[in-house]
Amino acid sequence: MKHPKLVTLGAVALGIGAAAAGIYRSTHPKGVRGPLSADPGRSRPPLPDDLFDLPDGVIEHDIATPDGGTIHAIEKGEGRPLVLLHGITLRADVWAPQFHQLADRYRVIAVDLRGHGTSKAGESGFGIPRLGDDLAHLLTELDLHDAVLVGHSMGGMTVMQFCGDHPEVLGERVAGLVFVATRAHQVFPPYLDRGARRLTARGQAIVDGGRALPQRATVTTQAARLAFGDDPSPRAVELVAEMGRSIPPEALLPSLSGLIEHDARVALRATNTPSLVVVGTRDLLTPVPSARHLAHLLPHAELVVLPRAGHQLMQERPAELAELLDDFVGQL
């Protein structure tokens, strides 16, 4: 009997629930809420394919971790550091549009989370707590100050874990936090949570026993399309599919388990760093109510909802995300 395609857990999660409508911008803790704009429904010109390729002149780092792993990071530009952290099954180069649009005024640094891209896990293995430790180590090793951390999906959860586990590094080296399409807890709803735990545990037992999974996990283009809102770039969709196919089960399974266990509510309530939360109305994985709850937990957060956008905001709405980052940095 063939083993299920484990990565389709992500596709299942992408397909659950409709993102709630409601376009607004709100500031916490004041609780001021009002309409940002009506959904214009306007068509946008297609993004050029070369926007999704890294520009020339990118510098690469391979940073040794205390547990014997390596953190691979790429950077370009000068100025205030922007540290970009991707979601599960993705890689640092998913942020290529931001290198094109922001490296002229920021030091843009994108990280391969352990098990993704060319970063390697050490003896501590995988999971969100390990990723939080890696982020603290990277900030220290690169001696970054006044940095803005931008975390997408699992990358956002990594930032949350870092805030709870390393408040001293947060206070010394970070000026602002940006959470892009992510959740504070309960990544899978209750009716999927039990099955997700059972499936990942079964797959992990196979891998731990030294056996290969009977069927390799894959991400199809159709599954990747679920991560986007209206009219995405075909090039961006195919890149997400290709990245998903590249992650080995040895990294995917424990990473999925880390998402299932993620709960950063206590850490977020104690985080006083200025924060921005961004979500799209067509995000099926981390819908608007999840972003609203995340912003509510943070003592000093602004929530921005982008109409007709899905989960891959850095690829779908790079110009709007760049404008939001500029506005946010200008207020720090």
Protein backbone atom coordinates (compact mmCIF):
# COMPACT_ATOMS: atom_id res chain seq x y z
CA MET A 1 0.00 0.00 0.00
CA LYS A 2 1.45 3.34 -1.00
CA HIS A 3 2.12 6.00 1.60
CA PRO A 4 0.15 9.23 1.05
CA LYS A 5 1.92 12.22 -0.38
CA LEU A 6 2.80 13.88 2.87
CA VAL A 7 3.26 17.32 1.47
CA THR A 8 -0.40 17.38 0.45
CA LEU A 9 -1.09 18.24 4.08
CA GLY A 10 -0.08 21.72 3.05
CA ALA A 11 -2.45 21.63 0.11
CA VAL A 12 -5.26 20.43 2.37
CA ALA A 13 -4.58 23.30 4.71
CA LEU A 14 -4.58 25.71 1.80
CA GLY A 15 -7.98 24.47 0.78
CA ILE A 16 -9.77 24.86 4.11
CA GLY A 17 -12.05 27.73 4.90
CA ALA A 18 -12.70 30.85 2.90
CA ALA A 19 -10.77 33.98 3.78
CA ALA A 20 -13.11 36.43 5.44
CA ALA A 21 -13.88 39.61 3.55
CA GLY A 22 -13.37 43.00 5.19
CA ILE A 23 -10.77 45.53 4.14
CA TYR A 24 -9.51 47.57 7.02
CA ARG A 25 -6.48 48.88 8.79
CA SER A 26 -6.46 48.74 12.58
CA THR A 27 -4.02 49.71 15.29
CA HIS A 28 -3.63 47.93 18.63
CA PRO A 29 -3.97 48.36 21.55
CA LYS A 30 -6.20 51.35 20.76
CA GLY A 31 -8.67 49.13 18.93
CA VAL A 32 -9.38 51.73 16.25
CA ARG A 33 -10.91 50.02 13.24
CA GLY A 34 -12.24 51.52 10.06
CA PRO A 35 -12.41 50.84 6.32
CA LEU A 36 -9.11 51.05 4.47
CA SER A 37 -10.69 50.97 1.05
CA ALA A 38 -13.34 49.20 -0.91
CA ASP A 39 -12.09 46.33 -3.02
CA PRO A 40 -11.30 48.13 -6.28
CA GLY A 41 -11.39 44.94 -8.33
CA ARG A 42 -8.95 46.57 -10.67
CA SER A 43 -6.80 44.52 -12.99
CA ARG A 44 -3.06 44.68 -12.45
CA PRO A 45 -0.44 44.40 -15.17
CA PRO A 46 1.34 41.02 -15.14
CA LEU A 47 4.61 40.86 -13.26
CA PRO A 48 7.67 40.24 -15.44
CA ASP A 49 9.21 36.77 -15.17
CA ASP A 50 12.67 38.12 -14.39
CA LEU A 51 11.31 39.68 -11.18
CA PHE A 52 11.34 36.15 -9.74
CA ASP A 53 15.05 35.61 -10.47
CA LEU A 54 17.63 36.87 -8.00
CA PRO A 55 19.50 39.94 -9.24
CA ASP A 56 23.23 40.00 -9.87
CA GLY A 57 25.56 40.84 -7.02
CA VAL A 58 23.94 38.74 -4.29
CA ILE A 59 26.37 37.77 -1.52
CA GLU A 60 26.12 34.31 0.04
CA HIS A 61 26.78 33.27 3.64
CA ASP A 62 27.07 29.84 5.24
CA ILE A 63 26.97 30.29 9.00
CA ALA A 64 27.86 27.37 11.26
CA THR A 65 25.33 26.72 14.04
CA PRO A 66 26.27 25.60 17.57
CA ASP A 67 24.66 22.18 16.98
CA GLY A 68 26.76 21.43 13.89
CA GLY A 69 24.41 22.64 11.18
CA THR A 70 24.69 25.52 8.73
CA ILE A 71 22.48 28.50 7.96
CA HIS A 72 22.61 29.60 4.34
CA ALA A 73 21.71 33.24 3.74
CA ILE A 74 21.90 35.63 0.80
CA GLU A 75 22.11 39.40 0.91
CA LYS A 76 22.33 42.51 -1.21
CA GLY A 77 22.30 46.23 -0.51
CA GLU A 78 23.16 48.59 2.32
CA GLY A 79 21.22 50.31 5.06
CA ARG A 80 18.85 49.04 7.72
CA PRO A 81 18.81 45.22 7.67
CA LEU A 82 15.64 43.51 6.47
CA VAL A 83 15.81 39.81 7.42
CA LEU A 84 13.39 37.76 5.30
CA LEU A 85 12.21 34.31 6.46
CA HIS A 86 10.23 32.05 4.13
CA GLY A 87 7.43 29.53 4.75
CA ILE A 88 7.53 25.75 4.81
CA THR A 89 8.75 24.02 1.59
CA LEU A 90 10.08 27.34 0.21
CA ARG A 91 13.60 28.84 -0.01
CA ALA A 92 15.39 32.16 0.34
CA ASP A 93 15.02 32.95 -3.36
CA VAL A 94 11.23 33.14 -3.00
CA TRP A 95 12.06 36.70 -1.90
CA ALA A 96 13.66 37.59 -5.26
CA PRO A 97 11.11 40.39 -5.92
CA GLN A 98 12.13 42.06 -2.65
CA PHE A 99 15.81 41.98 -3.66
CA HIS A 100 14.87 43.81 -6.85
CA GLN A 101 12.62 46.36 -5.15
CA LEU A 102 14.28 47.01 -1.78
CA ALA A 103 18.04 46.44 -2.05
CA ASP A 104 18.63 49.99 -3.26
CA ARG A 105 17.78 51.31 0.23
CA TYR A 106 18.05 48.36 2.65
CA ARG A 107 20.45 45.57 3.45
CA VAL A 108 18.17 42.74 2.31
CA ILE A 109 19.02 39.35 3.84
CA ALA A 110 17.02 36.21 3.02
CA VAL A 111 17.54 32.96 4.91
CA ASP A 112 17.15 29.28 3.98
CA LEU A 113 15.51 27.83 7.10
CA ARG A 114 17.15 24.59 8.24
CA GLY A 115 16.23 21.68 6.01
CA HIS A 116 15.28 24.06 3.19
CA GLY A 117 17.50 25.18 0.35
CA THR A 118 21.12 24.56 1.30
CA SER A 119 20.80 25.08 5.07
CA LYS A 120 21.53 21.95 7.07
CA ALA A 121 20.13 20.82 10.40
CA GLY A 122 22.56 19.98 13.18
CA GLU A 123 22.13 17.46 15.95
CA SER A 124 19.21 19.42 17.45
CA GLY A 125 17.09 18.49 14.45
CA PHE A 126 14.08 20.44 13.25
CA GLY A 127 11.10 22.30 14.61
CA ILE A 128 10.07 25.91 15.24
CA PRO A 129 12.15 26.24 18.47
CA ARG A 130 15.30 25.28 16.51
CA LEU A 131 14.44 27.87 13.87
CA GLY A 132 14.07 30.54 16.55
CA ASP A 133 17.53 29.66 17.86
CA ASP A 134 18.94 29.84 14.32
CA LEU A 135 17.48 33.31 13.86
CA ALA A 136 19.06 34.54 17.09
CA HIS A 137 22.38 33.03 16.01
CA LEU A 138 22.22 34.66 12.57
CA LEU A 139 21.47 38.10 14.02
CA THR A 140 24.43 37.76 16.36
CA GLU A 141 26.89 36.30 13.87
CA LEU A 142 26.13 38.98 11.26
CA ASP A 143 26.15 41.59 14.06
CA LEU A 144 22.88 43.13 12.91
CA HIS A 145 21.30 46.09 14.70
CA ASP A 146 17.99 47.93 14.20
CA ALA A 147 16.89 45.06 12.00
CA VAL A 148 13.36 44.50 10.73
CA LEU A 149 12.37 40.83 10.72
CA VAL A 150 9.92 39.84 7.98
CA GLY A 151 8.46 36.36 8.45
CA HIS A 152 6.14 34.64 5.98
CA SER A 153 3.99 31.71 7.19
CA MET A 154 6.41 29.33 8.99
CA GLY A 155 8.98 32.13 8.84
CA GLY A 156 6.56 34.30 10.81
CA MET A 157 6.17 31.52 13.36
CA THR A 158 9.96 31.40 13.57
CA VAL A 159 9.98 35.11 14.44
CA MET A 160 7.32 34.50 17.13
CA GLN A 161 9.38 31.70 18.67
CA PHE A 162 12.49 33.87 18.58
CA CYS A 163 10.67 36.67 20.42
CA GLY A 164 9.66 34.32 23.21
CA ASP A 165 12.96 32.47 23.55
CA HIS A 166 15.48 35.27 22.93
CA PRO A 167 14.06 38.53 24.31
CA GLU A 168 17.55 39.86 24.99
CA VAL A 169 18.59 39.48 21.32
CA LEU A 170 15.25 40.95 20.26
CA GLY A 171 15.76 44.02 22.43
CA GLU A 172 19.37 44.54 21.40
CA ARG A 173 19.19 43.90 17.65
CA VAL A 174 15.61 44.21 16.33
CA ALA A 175 13.62 47.39 15.73
CA GLY A 176 10.49 46.01 14.11
CA LEU A 177 8.56 42.85 13.20
CA VAL A 178 6.53 42.15 10.07
CA PHE A 179 4.29 39.10 9.98
CA VAL A 180 3.20 38.13 6.46
CA ALA A 181 0.43 35.55 6.04
CA THR A 182 1.02 33.63 9.26
CA ARG A 183 -0.71 32.33 12.41
CA ALA A 184 -0.20 32.57 16.15
CA HIS A 185 -1.35 28.98 16.78
CA GLN A 186 -3.54 26.10 15.56
CA VAL A 187 -2.15 25.83 12.03
CA PHE A 188 -4.55 22.98 11.28
CA PRO A 189 -8.18 23.26 12.44
CA PRO A 190 -9.41 20.69 14.99
CA TYR A 191 -11.06 18.47 12.38
CA LEU A 192 -7.74 18.10 10.51
CA ASP A 193 -5.32 18.26 13.42
CA ARG A 194 -5.64 14.65 14.55
CA GLY A 195 -5.19 13.27 11.04
CA ALA A 196 -2.20 15.54 10.43
CA ARG A 197 -0.52 14.34 13.62
CA ARG A 198 -1.16 10.71 12.74
CA LEU A 199 0.13 11.08 9.21
CA THR A 200 3.34 12.90 10.16
CA ALA A 201 4.03 10.44 12.98
CA ARG A 202 3.58 7.51 10.61
CA GLY A 203 5.92 9.01 8.06
CA GLN A 204 8.49 9.92 10.71
CA ALA A 205 8.51 6.35 12.01
CA ILE A 206 9.30 5.10 8.50
CA VAL A 207 12.16 7.59 8.08
CA ASP A 208 13.53 6.94 11.60
CA GLY A 209 13.56 3.24 10.80
CA GLY A 210 15.97 3.85 7.97
CA ARG A 211 13.45 3.15 5.24
CA ALA A 212 12.52 5.36 2.33
CA LEU A 213 8.94 6.49 2.03
CA PRO A 214 7.16 4.28 -0.51
CA GLN A 215 5.99 7.31 -2.45
CA ARG A 216 7.95 10.54 -2.71
CA ALA A 217 6.17 13.65 -1.52
CA THR A 218 5.53 16.07 -4.33
CA VAL A 219 3.89 19.43 -4.83
CA THR A 220 1.98 19.75 -8.07
CA THR A 221 1.43 23.01 -9.89
CA GLN A 222 -2.28 22.69 -9.09
CA ALA A 223 -1.54 22.41 -5.37
CA ALA A 224 0.85 25.37 -5.52
CA ARG A 225 -1.84 27.45 -7.25
CA LEU A 226 -3.95 27.22 -4.07
CA ALA A 227 -1.38 29.41 -2.32
CA PHE A 228 -2.21 32.36 -4.58
CA GLY A 229 -5.09 34.76 -5.01
CA ASP A 230 -6.31 36.29 -8.26
CA ASP A 231 -4.30 35.99 -11.47
CA PRO A 232 -0.89 34.95 -10.16
CA SER A 233 2.21 34.84 -12.31
CA PRO A 234 2.54 31.32 -13.81
CA ARG A 235 6.28 31.63 -13.20
CA ALA A 236 5.69 32.28 -9.48
CA VAL A 237 3.31 29.33 -9.20
CA GLU A 238 5.78 26.97 -10.84
CA LEU A 239 8.58 28.21 -8.57
CA VAL A 240 6.53 27.38 -5.48
CA ALA A 241 5.82 23.91 -6.90
CA GLU A 242 9.51 23.34 -7.70
CA MET A 243 10.61 24.45 -4.25
CA GLY A 244 8.08 22.11 -2.67
CA ARG A 245 9.39 19.19 -4.69
CA SER A 246 12.95 19.90 -3.58
CA ILE A 247 12.51 19.46 0.18
CA PRO A 248 13.39 15.94 1.40
CA PRO A 249 10.94 14.03 3.65
CA GLU A 250 13.61 14.01 6.38
CA ALA A 251 13.14 17.79 6.67
CA LEU A 252 9.47 18.07 5.69
CA LEU A 253 8.05 15.68 8.28
CA PRO A 254 9.54 17.25 11.43
CA SER A 255 8.90 20.72 10.01
CA LEU A 256 5.21 19.83 9.63
CA SER A 257 5.21 18.50 13.19
CA GLY A 258 6.63 21.81 14.35
CA LEU A 259 3.79 23.67 12.67
CA ILE A 260 1.23 21.41 14.35
CA GLU A 261 2.71 22.11 17.79
CA HIS A 262 3.16 25.85 17.24
CA ASP A 263 1.54 28.11 19.85
CA ALA A 264 3.08 31.56 20.33
CA ARG A 265 0.22 33.31 22.13
CA VAL A 266 2.13 33.83 25.38
CA ALA A 267 5.24 35.07 23.57
CA LEU A 268 3.25 37.50 21.43
CA ARG A 269 1.47 39.09 24.39
CA ALA A 270 4.89 39.83 25.92
CA THR A 271 6.39 41.29 22.71
CA ASN A 272 6.40 45.09 22.77
CA THR A 273 8.38 45.55 19.54
CA PRO A 274 6.46 47.57 16.93
CA SER A 275 4.81 45.14 14.54
CA LEU A 276 2.97 44.98 11.23
CA VAL A 277 0.64 42.13 10.24
CA VAL A 278 -0.23 41.71 6.54
CA VAL A 279 -2.75 39.27 5.05
CA GLY A 280 -4.71 38.82 1.82
CA THR A 281 -8.46 38.35 1.62
CA ARG A 282 -7.99 35.21 -0.52
CA ASP A 283 -5.47 33.56 1.77
CA LEU A 284 -6.86 30.07 2.44
CA LEU A 285 -4.08 28.89 4.77
CA THR A 286 -3.80 31.89 7.11
CA PRO A 287 -7.07 33.77 6.52
CA VAL A 288 -8.04 37.22 7.73
CA PRO A 289 -9.45 36.09 11.11
CA SER A 290 -6.12 34.45 11.95
CA ALA A 291 -4.25 37.65 11.11
CA ARG A 292 -6.73 39.71 13.12
CA HIS A 293 -6.16 37.44 16.12
CA LEU A 294 -2.39 37.69 15.69
CA ALA A 295 -2.53 41.49 15.59
CA HIS A 296 -4.80 41.52 18.65
CA LEU A 297 -2.27 39.48 20.65
CA LEU A 298 0.58 41.90 19.93
CA PRO A 299 0.59 45.00 22.16
CA HIS A 300 1.75 47.34 19.37
CA ALA A 301 0.61 46.03 15.99
CA GLU A 302 -1.00 47.36 12.85
CA LEU A 303 -3.04 45.07 10.61
CA VAL A 304 -3.26 45.59 6.85
CA VAL A 305 -5.51 43.48 4.64
CA LEU A 306 -4.82 43.33 0.90
CA PRO A 307 -7.86 42.68 -1.31
CA ARG A 308 -7.89 39.69 -3.67
CA ALA A 309 -4.43 38.51 -2.55
CA GLY A 310 -3.54 34.98 -1.41
CA HIS A 311 -0.86 33.44 0.78
CA GLN A 312 2.21 34.25 -1.35
CA LEU A 313 2.12 38.01 -0.83
CA MET A 314 5.82 38.53 -1.55
CA GLN A 315 5.27 37.11 -5.04
CA GLU A 316 1.75 38.40 -5.68
CA ARG A 317 1.96 41.95 -4.34
CA PRO A 318 5.64 42.86 -4.16
CA ALA A 319 5.10 46.57 -4.87
CA GLU A 320 2.43 46.90 -2.19
CA LEU A 321 4.53 44.95 0.29
CA ALA A 322 7.51 47.21 -0.44
CA GLU A 323 5.36 50.29 0.16
CA LEU A 324 4.07 48.88 3.44
CA LEU A 325 7.62 48.10 4.56
CA ASP A 326 8.78 51.62 3.71
CA ASP A 327 5.88 53.12 5.66
CA PHE A 328 6.51 50.83 8.61
CA VAL A 329 10.25 51.53 8.72
CA GLY A 330 9.53 55.25 8.45
CA GLN A 331 7.56 55.07 11.70
CA LEU A 332 10.22 53.23 13.70
